[in-house]
Amino acid sequence: MDHVRLEYLNEKSKVSSEMETEKVESEMEELPKTIVRRVVNDKLNECSPDTDITVNKDSRLAFSESARIFIHYLSATANDICKESKRQTINADDVLKAIEEIDFPEFVGLLKASLDG
């Protein structure tokens, strides 16, 4: 009976350890909440300076997750462009091409100006 209980405890510990690892990996991918809040609030204030818009917790999480997914998608696309050029280092031009490739060409000029400025 002790053998069965020991196996159960070992399995339970293994599952707990795997869950902790997934949680740590997930937290590492999260964007800093204060930065997401600041970016969202700054943009909303810029778009509607006369209106006091409040963003609830679920909305901030949605903004954060959307940005994280966008970064993953953009990174993967820039990586593909880099590999096609037989290089191992992604450069700004790869990111600019990736932005165009994922159908956001209107951001290229803004990003170039930001990189030059």
PDB file of N, CA and C in Angstrom:
ATOM      1  N   MET A   1       0.814  -1.196   0.000  1.00  0.00           N
ATOM      2  CA  MET A   1       0.000   0.000   0.000  1.00  0.00           C
ATOM      3  C   MET A   1       0.856   1.257   0.000  1.00  0.00           C
ATOM      4  N   ASP A   2       1.961   1.264   0.734  1.00  0.00           N
ATOM      5  CA  ASP A   2       2.832   2.431   0.760  1.00  0.00           C
ATOM      6  C   ASP A   2       3.444   2.703  -0.601  1.00  0.00           C
ATOM      7  N   HIS A   3       3.709   1.641  -1.359  1.00  0.00           N
ATOM      8  CA  HIS A   3       4.278   1.794  -2.703  1.00  0.00           C
ATOM      9  C   HIS A   3       3.305   2.546  -3.618  1.00  0.00           C
ATOM     10  N   VAL A   4       2.038   2.193  -3.553  1.00  0.00           N
ATOM     11  CA  VAL A   4       1.013   2.841  -4.380  1.00  0.00           C
ATOM     12  C   VAL A   4       0.888   4.309  -3.972  1.00  0.00           C
ATOM     13  N   ARG A   5       0.884   4.558  -2.674  1.00  0.00           N
ATOM     14  CA  ARG A   5       0.771   5.923  -2.181  1.00  0.00           C
ATOM     15  C   ARG A   5       1.987   6.754  -2.607  1.00  0.00           C
ATOM     16  N   LEU A   6       3.181   6.177  -2.536  1.00  0.00           N
ATOM     17  CA  LEU A   6       4.399   6.861  -2.945  1.00  0.00           C
ATOM     18  C   LEU A   6       4.347   7.215  -4.425  1.00  0.00           C
ATOM     19  N   GLU A   7       3.876   6.293  -5.260  1.00  0.00           N
ATOM     20  CA  GLU A   7       3.744   6.567  -6.695  1.00  0.00           C
ATOM     21  C   GLU A   7       2.758   7.713  -6.931  1.00  0.00           C
ATOM     22  N   TYR A   8       1.655   7.694  -6.189  1.00  0.00           N
ATOM     23  CA  TYR A   8       0.654   8.755  -6.322  1.00  0.00           C
ATOM     24  C   TYR A   8       1.258  10.110  -5.950  1.00  0.00           C
ATOM     25  N   LEU A   9       1.977  10.145  -4.845  1.00  0.00           N
ATOM     26  CA  LEU A   9       2.597  11.395  -4.412  1.00  0.00           C
ATOM     27  C   LEU A   9       3.643  11.871  -5.407  1.00  0.00           C
ATOM     28  N   ASN A  10       4.426  10.945  -5.953  1.00  0.00           N
ATOM     29  CA  ASN A  10       5.422  11.314  -6.961  1.00  0.00           C
ATOM     30  C   ASN A  10       4.756  11.891  -8.208  1.00  0.00           C
ATOM     31  N   GLU A  11       3.663  11.265  -8.638  1.00  0.00           N
ATOM     32  CA  GLU A  11       2.947  11.741  -9.822  1.00  0.00           C
ATOM     33  C   GLU A  11       2.329  13.109  -9.550  1.00  0.00           C
ATOM     34  N   LYS A  12       1.763  13.266  -8.367  1.00  0.00           N
ATOM     35  CA  LYS A  12       1.169  14.550  -7.985  1.00  0.00           C
ATOM     36  C   LYS A  12       2.233  15.642  -7.946  1.00  0.00           C
ATOM     37  N   SER A  13       3.400  15.324  -7.427  1.00  0.00           N
ATOM     38  CA  SER A  13       4.498  16.280  -7.371  1.00  0.00           C
ATOM     39  C   SER A  13       4.971  16.637  -8.781  1.00  0.00           C
ATOM     40  N   LYS A  14       5.026  15.642  -9.657  1.00  0.00           N
ATOM     41  CA  LYS A  14       5.451  15.871 -11.040  1.00  0.00           C
ATOM     42  C   LYS A  14       4.475  16.807 -11.757  1.00  0.00           C
ATOM     43  N   VAL A  15       3.169  16.580 -11.584  1.00  0.00           N
ATOM     44  CA  VAL A  15       2.154  17.420 -12.208  1.00  0.00           C
ATOM     45  C   VAL A  15       2.254  18.844 -11.662  1.00  0.00           C
ATOM     46  N   SER A  16       2.432  18.966 -10.357  1.00  0.00           N
ATOM     47  CA  SER A  16       2.569  20.281  -9.732  1.00  0.00           C
ATOM     48  C   SER A  16       3.790  21.012 -10.276  1.00  0.00           C
ATOM     49  N   SER A  17       4.892  20.300 -10.431  1.00  0.00           N
ATOM     50  CA  SER A  17       6.116  20.890 -10.959  1.00  0.00           C
ATOM     51  C   SER A  17       5.928  21.353 -12.401  1.00  0.00           C
ATOM     52  N   GLU A  18       5.240  20.552 -13.204  1.00  0.00           N
ATOM     53  CA  GLU A  18       4.971  20.928 -14.600  1.00  0.00           C
ATOM     54  C   GLU A  18       4.082  22.162 -14.667  1.00  0.00           C
ATOM     55  N   MET A  19       3.108  22.238 -13.764  1.00  0.00           N
ATOM     56  CA  MET A  19       2.224  23.400 -13.740  1.00  0.00           C
ATOM     57  C   MET A  19       3.002  24.653 -13.345  1.00  0.00           C
ATOM     58  N   GLU A  20       3.922  24.534 -12.394  1.00  0.00           N
ATOM     59  CA  GLU A  20       4.747  25.673 -11.989  1.00  0.00           C
ATOM     60  C   GLU A  20       5.620  26.133 -13.145  1.00  0.00           C
ATOM     61  N   THR A  21       6.205  25.179 -13.883  1.00  0.00           N
ATOM     62  CA  THR A  21       7.051  25.515 -15.028  1.00  0.00           C
ATOM     63  C   THR A  21       6.243  26.260 -16.074  1.00  0.00           C
ATOM     64  N   GLU A  22       5.031  25.780 -16.374  1.00  0.00           N
ATOM     65  CA  GLU A  22       4.178  26.455 -17.349  1.00  0.00           C
ATOM     66  C   GLU A  22       3.818  27.861 -16.873  1.00  0.00           C
ATOM     67  N   LYS A  23       3.550  28.016 -15.571  1.00  0.00           N
ATOM     68  CA  LYS A  23       3.203  29.323 -15.026  1.00  0.00           C
ATOM     69  C   LYS A  23       4.366  30.290 -15.159  1.00  0.00           C
ATOM     70  N   VAL A  24       5.583  29.826 -14.855  1.00  0.00           N
ATOM     71  CA  VAL A  24       6.766  30.674 -14.957  1.00  0.00           C
ATOM     72  C   VAL A  24       6.990  31.073 -16.411  1.00  0.00           C
ATOM     73  N   GLU A  25       6.867  30.111 -17.337  1.00  0.00           N
ATOM     74  CA  GLU A  25       7.042  30.421 -18.759  1.00  0.00           C
ATOM     75  C   GLU A  25       5.991  31.413 -19.225  1.00  0.00           C
ATOM     76  N   SER A  26       4.757  31.237 -18.775  1.00  0.00           N
ATOM     77  CA  SER A  26       3.681  32.152 -19.153  1.00  0.00           C
ATOM     78  C   SER A  26       3.951  33.553 -18.617  1.00  0.00           C
ATOM     79  N   GLU A  27       4.407  33.642 -17.369  1.00  0.00           N
ATOM     80  CA  GLU A  27       4.700  34.945 -16.775  1.00  0.00           C
ATOM     81  C   GLU A  27       5.867  35.625 -17.476  1.00  0.00           C
ATOM     82  N   MET A  28       6.830  34.839 -17.965  1.00  0.00           N
ATOM     83  CA  MET A  28       7.969  35.418 -18.670  1.00  0.00           C
ATOM     84  C   MET A  28       7.536  36.048 -19.981  1.00  0.00           C
ATOM     85  N   GLU A  29       6.480  35.523 -20.592  1.00  0.00           N
ATOM     86  CA  GLU A  29       6.002  36.055 -21.857  1.00  0.00           C
ATOM     87  C   GLU A  29       5.067  37.241 -21.685  1.00  0.00           C
ATOM     88  N   GLU A  30       4.574  37.466 -20.479  1.00  0.00           N
ATOM     89  CA  GLU A  30       3.658  38.572 -20.249  1.00  0.00           C
ATOM     90  C   GLU A  30       4.366  39.905 -20.431  1.00  0.00           C
ATOM     91  N   LEU A  31       3.663  40.838 -21.017  1.00  0.00           N
ATOM     92  CA  LEU A  31       4.186  42.193 -21.113  1.00  0.00           C
ATOM     93  C   LEU A  31       3.964  42.882 -19.767  1.00  0.00           C
ATOM     94  N   PRO A  32       4.866  43.752 -19.370  1.00  0.00           N
ATOM     95  CA  PRO A  32       4.688  44.450 -18.091  1.00  0.00           C
ATOM     96  C   PRO A  32       3.367  45.221 -18.067  1.00  0.00           C
ATOM     97  N   LYS A  33       2.570  44.961 -17.041  1.00  0.00           N
ATOM     98  CA  LYS A  33       1.234  45.554 -16.949  1.00  0.00           C
ATOM     99  C   LYS A  33       1.274  47.075 -16.899  1.00  0.00           C
ATOM    100  N   THR A  34       2.251  47.631 -16.216  1.00  0.00           N
ATOM    101  CA  THR A  34       2.315  49.095 -16.120  1.00  0.00           C
ATOM    102  C   THR A  34       2.584  49.729 -17.474  1.00  0.00           C
ATOM    103  N   ILE A  35       3.408  49.072 -18.274  1.00  0.00           N
ATOM    104  CA  ILE A  35       3.704  49.611 -19.607  1.00  0.00           C
ATOM    105  C   ILE A  35       2.476  49.511 -20.499  1.00  0.00           C
ATOM    106  N   VAL A  36       1.791  48.371 -20.466  1.00  0.00           N
ATOM    107  CA  VAL A  36       0.579  48.210 -21.273  1.00  0.00           C
ATOM    108  C   VAL A  36      -0.450  49.259 -20.854  1.00  0.00           C
ATOM    109  N   ARG A  37      -0.643  49.443 -19.553  1.00  0.00           N
ATOM    110  CA  ARG A  37      -1.607  50.420 -19.051  1.00  0.00           C
ATOM    111  C   ARG A  37      -1.241  51.822 -19.538  1.00  0.00           C
ATOM    112  N   ARG A  38       0.052  52.168 -19.445  1.00  0.00           N
ATOM    113  CA  ARG A  38       0.496  53.505 -19.849  1.00  0.00           C
ATOM    114  C   ARG A  38       0.297  53.726 -21.345  1.00  0.00           C
ATOM    115  N   VAL A  39       0.665  52.746 -22.164  1.00  0.00           N
ATOM    116  CA  VAL A  39       0.513  52.882 -23.620  1.00  0.00           C
ATOM    117  C   VAL A  39      -0.958  53.047 -23.984  1.00  0.00           C
ATOM    118  N   VAL A  40      -1.800  52.207 -23.414  1.00  0.00           N
ATOM    119  CA  VAL A  40      -3.237  52.284 -23.717  1.00  0.00           C
ATOM    120  C   VAL A  40      -3.805  53.625 -23.264  1.00  0.00           C
ATOM    121  N   ASN A  41      -3.526  54.006 -22.035  1.00  0.00           N
ATOM    122  CA  ASN A  41      -4.063  55.276 -21.526  1.00  0.00           C
ATOM    123  C   ASN A  41      -3.551  56.479 -22.305  1.00  0.00           C
ATOM    124  N   ASP A  42      -2.260  56.484 -22.652  1.00  0.00           N
ATOM    125  CA  ASP A  42      -1.707  57.593 -23.435  1.00  0.00           C
ATOM    126  C   ASP A  42      -2.400  57.711 -24.790  1.00  0.00           C
ATOM    127  N   LYS A  43      -2.600  56.583 -25.439  1.00  0.00           N
ATOM    128  CA  LYS A  43      -3.237  56.612 -26.761  1.00  0.00           C
ATOM    129  C   LYS A  43      -4.691  57.052 -26.650  1.00  0.00           C
ATOM    130  N   LEU A  44      -5.402  56.557 -25.641  1.00  0.00           N
ATOM    131  CA  LEU A  44      -6.797  56.957 -25.463  1.00  0.00           C
ATOM    132  C   LEU A  44      -6.901  58.446 -25.164  1.00  0.00           C
ATOM    133  N   ASN A  45      -5.998  58.959 -24.350  1.00  0.00           N
ATOM    134  CA  ASN A  45      -5.996  60.397 -24.041  1.00  0.00           C
ATOM    135  C   ASN A  45      -5.679  61.230 -25.279  1.00  0.00           C
ATOM    136  N   GLU A  46      -4.811  60.694 -26.129  1.00  0.00           N
ATOM    137  CA  GLU A  46      -4.467  61.383 -27.377  1.00  0.00           C
ATOM    138  C   GLU A  46      -5.663  61.410 -28.330  1.00  0.00           C
ATOM    139  N   CYS A  47      -6.392  60.297 -28.392  1.00  0.00           N
ATOM    140  CA  CYS A  47      -7.535  60.195 -29.300  1.00  0.00           C
ATOM    141  C   CYS A  47      -8.762  60.947 -28.791  1.00  0.00           C
ATOM    142  N   SER A  48      -8.929  60.977 -27.475  1.00  0.00           N
ATOM    143  CA  SER A  48     -10.103  61.614 -26.876  1.00  0.00           C
ATOM    144  C   SER A  48      -9.681  62.456 -25.680  1.00  0.00           C
ATOM    145  N   PRO A  49      -9.026  63.587 -25.927  1.00  0.00           N
ATOM    146  CA  PRO A  49      -8.506  64.386 -24.811  1.00  0.00           C
ATOM    147  C   PRO A  49      -9.595  64.976 -23.903  1.00  0.00           C
ATOM    148  N   ASP A  50     -10.802  65.154 -24.428  1.00  0.00           N
ATOM    149  CA  ASP A  50     -11.879  65.758 -23.646  1.00  0.00           C
ATOM    150  C   ASP A  50     -12.722  64.731 -22.881  1.00  0.00           C
ATOM    151  N   THR A  51     -12.431  63.444 -23.082  1.00  0.00           N
ATOM    152  CA  THR A  51     -13.221  62.384 -22.465  1.00  0.00           C
ATOM    153  C   THR A  51     -12.346  61.560 -21.538  1.00  0.00           C
ATOM    154  N   ASP A  52     -12.851  61.289 -20.356  1.00  0.00           N
ATOM    155  CA  ASP A  52     -12.129  60.462 -19.395  1.00  0.00           C
ATOM    156  C   ASP A  52     -12.576  59.011 -19.576  1.00  0.00           C
ATOM    157  N   ILE A  53     -11.808  58.248 -20.329  1.00  0.00           N
ATOM    158  CA  ILE A  53     -12.162  56.863 -20.627  1.00  0.00           C
ATOM    159  C   ILE A  53     -11.458  55.948 -19.625  1.00  0.00           C
ATOM    160  N   THR A  54     -12.213  55.023 -19.070  1.00  0.00           N
ATOM    161  CA  THR A  54     -11.670  54.060 -18.132  1.00  0.00           C
ATOM    162  C   THR A  54     -11.534  52.716 -18.832  1.00  0.00           C
ATOM    163  N   VAL A  55     -10.440  52.026 -18.558  1.00  0.00           N
ATOM    164  CA  VAL A  55     -10.197  50.708 -19.143  1.00  0.00           C
ATOM    165  C   VAL A  55     -10.219  49.697 -18.009  1.00  0.00           C
ATOM    166  N   ASN A  56     -11.143  48.740 -18.085  1.00  0.00           N
ATOM    167  CA  ASN A  56     -11.233  47.773 -16.999  1.00  0.00           C
ATOM    168  C   ASN A  56     -10.166  46.682 -17.119  1.00  0.00           C
ATOM    169  N   LYS A  57     -10.076  45.858 -16.100  1.00  0.00           N
ATOM    170  CA  LYS A  57      -9.029  44.834 -16.001  1.00  0.00           C
ATOM    171  C   LYS A  57      -9.059  43.864 -17.185  1.00  0.00           C
ATOM    172  N   ASP A  58     -10.244  43.399 -17.576  1.00  0.00           N
ATOM    173  CA  ASP A  58     -10.353  42.466 -18.703  1.00  0.00           C
ATOM    174  C   ASP A  58      -9.873  43.102 -20.002  1.00  0.00           C
ATOM    175  N   SER A  59     -10.172  44.380 -20.175  1.00  0.00           N
ATOM    176  CA  SER A  59      -9.728  45.081 -21.385  1.00  0.00           C
ATOM    177  C   SER A  59      -8.214  45.214 -21.411  1.00  0.00           C
ATOM    178  N   ARG A  60      -7.613  45.547 -20.258  1.00  0.00           N
ATOM    179  CA  ARG A  60      -6.151  45.645 -20.199  1.00  0.00           C
ATOM    180  C   ARG A  60      -5.517  44.298 -20.518  1.00  0.00           C
ATOM    181  N   LEU A  61      -6.109  43.221 -19.995  1.00  0.00           N
ATOM    182  CA  LEU A  61      -5.599  41.883 -20.292  1.00  0.00           C
ATOM    183  C   LEU A  61      -5.738  41.581 -21.785  1.00  0.00           C
ATOM    184  N   ALA A  62      -6.849  41.985 -22.376  1.00  0.00           N
ATOM    185  CA  ALA A  62      -7.054  41.770 -23.816  1.00  0.00           C
ATOM    186  C   ALA A  62      -6.022  42.545 -24.630  1.00  0.00           C
ATOM    187  N   PHE A  63      -5.746  43.799 -24.240  1.00  0.00           N
ATOM    188  CA  PHE A  63      -4.709  44.576 -24.921  1.00  0.00           C
ATOM    189  C   PHE A  63      -3.356  43.878 -24.794  1.00  0.00           C
ATOM    190  N   SER A  64      -3.033  43.428 -23.597  1.00  0.00           N
ATOM    191  CA  SER A  64      -1.746  42.796 -23.338  1.00  0.00           C
ATOM    192  C   SER A  64      -1.588  41.504 -24.137  1.00  0.00           C
ATOM    193  N   GLU A  65      -2.610  40.673 -24.115  1.00  0.00           N
ATOM    194  CA  GLU A  65      -2.556  39.408 -24.858  1.00  0.00           C
ATOM    195  C   GLU A  65      -2.490  39.653 -26.357  1.00  0.00           C
ATOM    196  N   SER A  66      -3.240  40.643 -26.841  1.00  0.00           N
ATOM    197  CA  SER A  66      -3.200  40.976 -28.270  1.00  0.00           C
ATOM    198  C   SER A  66      -1.807  41.422 -28.683  1.00  0.00           C
ATOM    199  N   ALA A  67      -1.185  42.259 -27.861  1.00  0.00           N
ATOM    200  CA  ALA A  67       0.170  42.734 -28.162  1.00  0.00           C
ATOM    201  C   ALA A  67       1.161  41.577 -28.136  1.00  0.00           C
ATOM    202  N   ARG A  68       1.019  40.678 -27.162  1.00  0.00           N
ATOM    203  CA  ARG A  68       1.921  39.527 -27.063  1.00  0.00           C
ATOM    204  C   ARG A  68       1.796  38.635 -28.299  1.00  0.00           C
ATOM    205  N   ILE A  69       0.568  38.374 -28.720  1.00  0.00           N
ATOM    206  CA  ILE A  69       0.339  37.543 -29.905  1.00  0.00           C
ATOM    207  C   ILE A  69       0.900  38.237 -31.146  1.00  0.00           C
ATOM    208  N   PHE A  70       0.683  39.541 -31.262  1.00  0.00           N
ATOM    209  CA  PHE A  70       1.214  40.297 -32.392  1.00  0.00           C
ATOM    210  C   PHE A  70       2.739  40.203 -32.428  1.00  0.00           C
ATOM    211  N   ILE A  71       3.381  40.355 -31.284  1.00  0.00           N
ATOM    212  CA  ILE A  71       4.844  40.271 -31.211  1.00  0.00           C
ATOM    213  C   ILE A  71       5.323  38.883 -31.633  1.00  0.00           C
ATOM    214  N   HIS A  72       4.630  37.840 -31.191  1.00  0.00           N
ATOM    215  CA  HIS A  72       5.003  36.479 -31.597  1.00  0.00           C
ATOM    216  C   HIS A  72       4.888  36.313 -33.107  1.00  0.00           C
ATOM    217  N   TYR A  73       3.779  36.766 -33.653  1.00  0.00           N
ATOM    218  CA  TYR A  73       3.534  36.644 -35.087  1.00  0.00           C
ATOM    219  C   TYR A  73       4.557  37.444 -35.889  1.00  0.00           C
ATOM    220  N   LEU A  74       4.811  38.670 -35.467  1.00  0.00           N
ATOM    221  CA  LEU A  74       5.788  39.523 -36.145  1.00  0.00           C
ATOM    222  C   LEU A  74       7.194  38.923 -36.032  1.00  0.00           C
ATOM    223  N   SER A  75       7.538  38.410 -34.883  1.00  0.00           N
ATOM    224  CA  SER A  75       8.859  37.793 -34.680  1.00  0.00           C
ATOM    225  C   SER A  75       9.047  36.575 -35.577  1.00  0.00           C
ATOM    226  N   ALA A  76       8.033  35.742 -35.631  1.00  0.00           N
ATOM    227  CA  ALA A  76       8.121  34.539 -36.467  1.00  0.00           C
ATOM    228  C   ALA A  76       8.259  34.910 -37.938  1.00  0.00           C
ATOM    229  N   THR A  77       7.516  35.919 -38.372  1.00  0.00           N
ATOM    230  CA  THR A  77       7.593  36.353 -39.766  1.00  0.00           C
ATOM    231  C   THR A  77       8.954  36.963 -40.071  1.00  0.00           C
ATOM    232  N   ALA A  78       9.464  37.803 -39.181  1.00  0.00           N
ATOM    233  CA  ALA A  78      10.798  38.395 -39.368  1.00  0.00           C
ATOM    234  C   ALA A  78      11.867  37.301 -39.360  1.00  0.00           C
ATOM    235  N   ASN A  79      11.686  36.304 -38.538  1.00  0.00           N
ATOM    236  CA  ASN A  79      12.626  35.185 -38.497  1.00  0.00           C
ATOM    237  C   ASN A  79      12.638  34.437 -39.833  1.00  0.00           C
ATOM    238  N   ASP A  80      11.460  34.214 -40.399  1.00  0.00           N
ATOM    239  CA  ASP A  80      11.382  33.548 -41.713  1.00  0.00           C
ATOM    240  C   ASP A  80      12.098  34.365 -42.777  1.00  0.00           C
ATOM    241  N   ILE A  81      11.898  35.666 -42.761  1.00  0.00           N
ATOM    242  CA  ILE A  81      12.557  36.556 -43.734  1.00  0.00           C
ATOM    243  C   ILE A  81      14.071  36.484 -43.557  1.00  0.00           C
ATOM    244  N   CYS A  82      14.513  36.493 -42.333  1.00  0.00           N
ATOM    245  CA  CYS A  82      15.947  36.401 -42.033  1.00  0.00           C
ATOM    246  C   CYS A  82      16.522  35.082 -42.546  1.00  0.00           C
ATOM    247  N   LYS A  83      15.826  33.985 -42.283  1.00  0.00           N
ATOM    248  CA  LYS A  83      16.296  32.669 -42.726  1.00  0.00           C
ATOM    249  C   LYS A  83      16.346  32.572 -44.244  1.00  0.00           C
ATOM    250  N   GLU A  84      15.347  33.180 -44.904  1.00  0.00           N
ATOM    251  CA  GLU A  84      15.328  33.183 -46.372  1.00  0.00           C
ATOM    252  C   GLU A  84      16.559  33.896 -46.931  1.00  0.00           C
ATOM    253  N   SER A  85      17.069  34.859 -46.185  1.00  0.00           N
ATOM    254  CA  SER A  85      18.267  35.593 -46.592  1.00  0.00           C
ATOM    255  C   SER A  85      19.540  34.899 -46.119  1.00  0.00           C
ATOM    256  N   LYS A  86      19.364  33.704 -45.539  1.00  0.00           N
ATOM    257  CA  LYS A  86      20.493  32.890 -45.060  1.00  0.00           C
ATOM    258  C   LYS A  86      21.335  33.624 -44.016  1.00  0.00           C
ATOM    259  N   ARG A  87      20.631  34.311 -43.113  1.00  0.00           N
ATOM    260  CA  ARG A  87      21.294  34.995 -42.003  1.00  0.00           C
ATOM    261  C   ARG A  87      20.756  34.449 -40.696  1.00  0.00           C
ATOM    262  N   GLN A  88      21.491  34.723 -39.624  1.00  0.00           N
ATOM    263  CA  GLN A  88      21.064  34.257 -38.312  1.00  0.00           C
ATOM    264  C   GLN A  88      20.652  35.395 -37.380  1.00  0.00           C
ATOM    265  N   THR A  89      20.788  36.623 -37.825  1.00  0.00           N
ATOM    266  CA  THR A  89      20.446  37.772 -36.998  1.00  0.00           C
ATOM    267  C   THR A  89      19.359  38.590 -37.683  1.00  0.00           C
ATOM    268  N   ILE A  90      18.268  38.775 -36.962  1.00  0.00           N
ATOM    269  CA  ILE A  90      17.171  39.588 -37.485  1.00  0.00           C
ATOM    270  C   ILE A  90      17.563  41.059 -37.363  1.00  0.00           C
ATOM    271  N   ASN A  91      17.383  41.798 -38.456  1.00  0.00           N
ATOM    272  CA  ASN A  91      17.677  43.235 -38.407  1.00  0.00           C
ATOM    273  C   ASN A  91      16.393  44.039 -38.597  1.00  0.00           C
ATOM    274  N   ALA A  92      16.499  45.343 -38.502  1.00  0.00           N
ATOM    275  CA  ALA A  92      15.322  46.215 -38.594  1.00  0.00           C
ATOM    276  C   ALA A  92      14.612  46.067 -39.937  1.00  0.00           C
ATOM    277  N   ASP A  93      15.379  45.886 -41.008  1.00  0.00           N
ATOM    278  CA  ASP A  93      14.752  45.704 -42.319  1.00  0.00           C
ATOM    279  C   ASP A  93      13.888  44.449 -42.370  1.00  0.00           C
ATOM    280  N   ASP A  94      14.321  43.389 -41.668  1.00  0.00           N
ATOM    281  CA  ASP A  94      13.515  42.165 -41.602  1.00  0.00           C
ATOM    282  C   ASP A  94      12.184  42.445 -40.910  1.00  0.00           C
ATOM    283  N   VAL A  95      12.228  43.240 -39.856  1.00  0.00           N
ATOM    284  CA  VAL A  95      11.009  43.583 -39.127  1.00  0.00           C
ATOM    285  C   VAL A  95      10.099  44.444 -40.012  1.00  0.00           C
ATOM    286  N   LEU A  96      10.681  45.402 -40.718  1.00  0.00           N
ATOM    287  CA  LEU A  96       9.887  46.249 -41.619  1.00  0.00           C
ATOM    288  C   LEU A  96       9.217  45.418 -42.714  1.00  0.00           C
ATOM    289  N   LYS A  97       9.979  44.493 -43.297  1.00  0.00           N
ATOM    290  CA  LYS A  97       9.405  43.611 -44.323  1.00  0.00           C
ATOM    291  C   LYS A  97       8.315  42.728 -43.730  1.00  0.00           C
ATOM    292  N   ALA A  98       8.538  42.265 -42.493  1.00  0.00           N
ATOM    293  CA  ALA A  98       7.549  41.416 -41.830  1.00  0.00           C
ATOM    294  C   ALA A  98       6.253  42.187 -41.587  1.00  0.00           C
ATOM    295  N   ILE A  99       6.376  43.439 -41.199  1.00  0.00           N
ATOM    296  CA  ILE A  99       5.187  44.264 -40.973  1.00  0.00           C
ATOM    297  C   ILE A  99       4.382  44.391 -42.260  1.00  0.00           C
ATOM    298  N   GLU A 100       5.080  44.595 -43.369  1.00  0.00           N
ATOM    299  CA  GLU A 100       4.386  44.652 -44.660  1.00  0.00           C
ATOM    300  C   GLU A 100       3.757  43.308 -44.996  1.00  0.00           C
ATOM    301  N   GLU A 101       4.495  42.232 -44.737  1.00  0.00           N
ATOM    302  CA  GLU A 101       4.024  40.893 -45.086  1.00  0.00           C
ATOM    303  C   GLU A 101       2.784  40.492 -44.289  1.00  0.00           C
ATOM    304  N   ILE A 102       2.666  40.964 -43.064  1.00  0.00           N
ATOM    305  CA  ILE A 102       1.487  40.607 -42.268  1.00  0.00           C
ATOM    306  C   ILE A 102       0.375  41.645 -42.414  1.00  0.00           C
ATOM    307  N   ASP A 103       0.482  42.431 -43.468  1.00  0.00           N
ATOM    308  CA  ASP A 103      -0.579  43.365 -43.868  1.00  0.00           C
ATOM    309  C   ASP A 103      -0.768  44.575 -42.953  1.00  0.00           C
ATOM    310  N   PHE A 104       0.349  45.149 -42.519  1.00  0.00           N
ATOM    311  CA  PHE A 104       0.304  46.405 -41.774  1.00  0.00           C
ATOM    312  C   PHE A 104       1.266  47.423 -42.392  1.00  0.00           C
ATOM    313  N   PRO A 105       1.201  47.626 -43.715  1.00  0.00           N
ATOM    314  CA  PRO A 105       2.158  48.518 -44.360  1.00  0.00           C
ATOM    315  C   PRO A 105       2.068  49.962 -43.878  1.00  0.00           C
ATOM    316  N   GLU A 106       0.910  50.354 -43.344  1.00  0.00           N
ATOM    317  CA  GLU A 106       0.755  51.730 -42.865  1.00  0.00           C
ATOM    318  C   GLU A 106       1.647  52.031 -41.663  1.00  0.00           C
ATOM    319  N   PHE A 107       2.158  51.008 -40.996  1.00  0.00           N
ATOM    320  CA  PHE A 107       3.041  51.210 -39.838  1.00  0.00           C
ATOM    321  C   PHE A 107       4.508  51.360 -40.217  1.00  0.00           C
ATOM    322  N   VAL A 108       4.865  51.003 -41.442  1.00  0.00           N
ATOM    323  CA  VAL A 108       6.267  51.020 -41.852  1.00  0.00           C
ATOM    324  C   VAL A 108       6.856  52.423 -41.782  1.00  0.00           C
ATOM    325  N   GLY A 109       6.139  53.407 -42.300  1.00  0.00           N
ATOM    326  CA  GLY A 109       6.640  54.790 -42.273  1.00  0.00           C
ATOM    327  C   GLY A 109       6.832  55.290 -40.846  1.00  0.00           C
ATOM    328  N   LEU A 110       5.867  54.994 -39.977  1.00  0.00           N
ATOM    329  CA  LEU A 110       5.961  55.409 -38.567  1.00  0.00           C
ATOM    330  C   LEU A 110       7.169  54.762 -37.888  1.00  0.00           C
ATOM    331  N   LEU A 111       7.351  53.478 -38.170  1.00  0.00           N
ATOM    332  CA  LEU A 111       8.477  52.763 -37.544  1.00  0.00           C
ATOM    333  C   LEU A 111       9.811  53.278 -38.073  1.00  0.00           C
ATOM    334  N   LYS A 112       9.896  53.510 -39.385  1.00  0.00           N
ATOM    335  CA  LYS A 112      11.133  54.062 -39.944  1.00  0.00           C
ATOM    336  C   LYS A 112      11.462  55.408 -39.321  1.00  0.00           C
ATOM    337  N   ALA A 113      10.447  56.258 -39.187  1.00  0.00           N
ATOM    338  CA  ALA A 113      10.662  57.584 -38.565  1.00  0.00           C
ATOM    339  C   ALA A 113      11.117  57.436 -37.130  1.00  0.00           C
ATOM    340  N   SER A 114      10.556  56.493 -36.431  1.00  0.00           N
ATOM    341  CA  SER A 114      10.946  56.254 -35.034  1.00  0.00           C
ATOM    342  C   SER A 114      12.376  55.739 -34.947  1.00  0.00           C
ATOM    343  N   LEU A 115      12.745  54.864 -35.874  1.00  0.00           N
ATOM    344  CA  LEU A 115      14.112  54.318 -35.871  1.00  0.00           C
ATOM    345  C   LEU A 115      15.145  55.375 -36.260  1.00  0.00           C
ATOM    346  N   ASP A 116      14.751  56.274 -37.165  1.00  0.00           N
ATOM    347  CA  ASP A 116      15.671  57.325 -37.614  1.00  0.00           C
ATOM    348  C   ASP A 116      15.783  58.467 -36.615  1.00  0.00           C
ATOM    349  N   GLY A 117      14.728  58.660 -35.830  1.00  0.00           N
ATOM    350  CA  GLY A 117      14.654  59.822 -34.971  1.00  0.00           C
ATOM    351  C   GLY A 117      15.301  59.662 -33.666  1.00  0.00           C
TER     352      GLY A 117
END
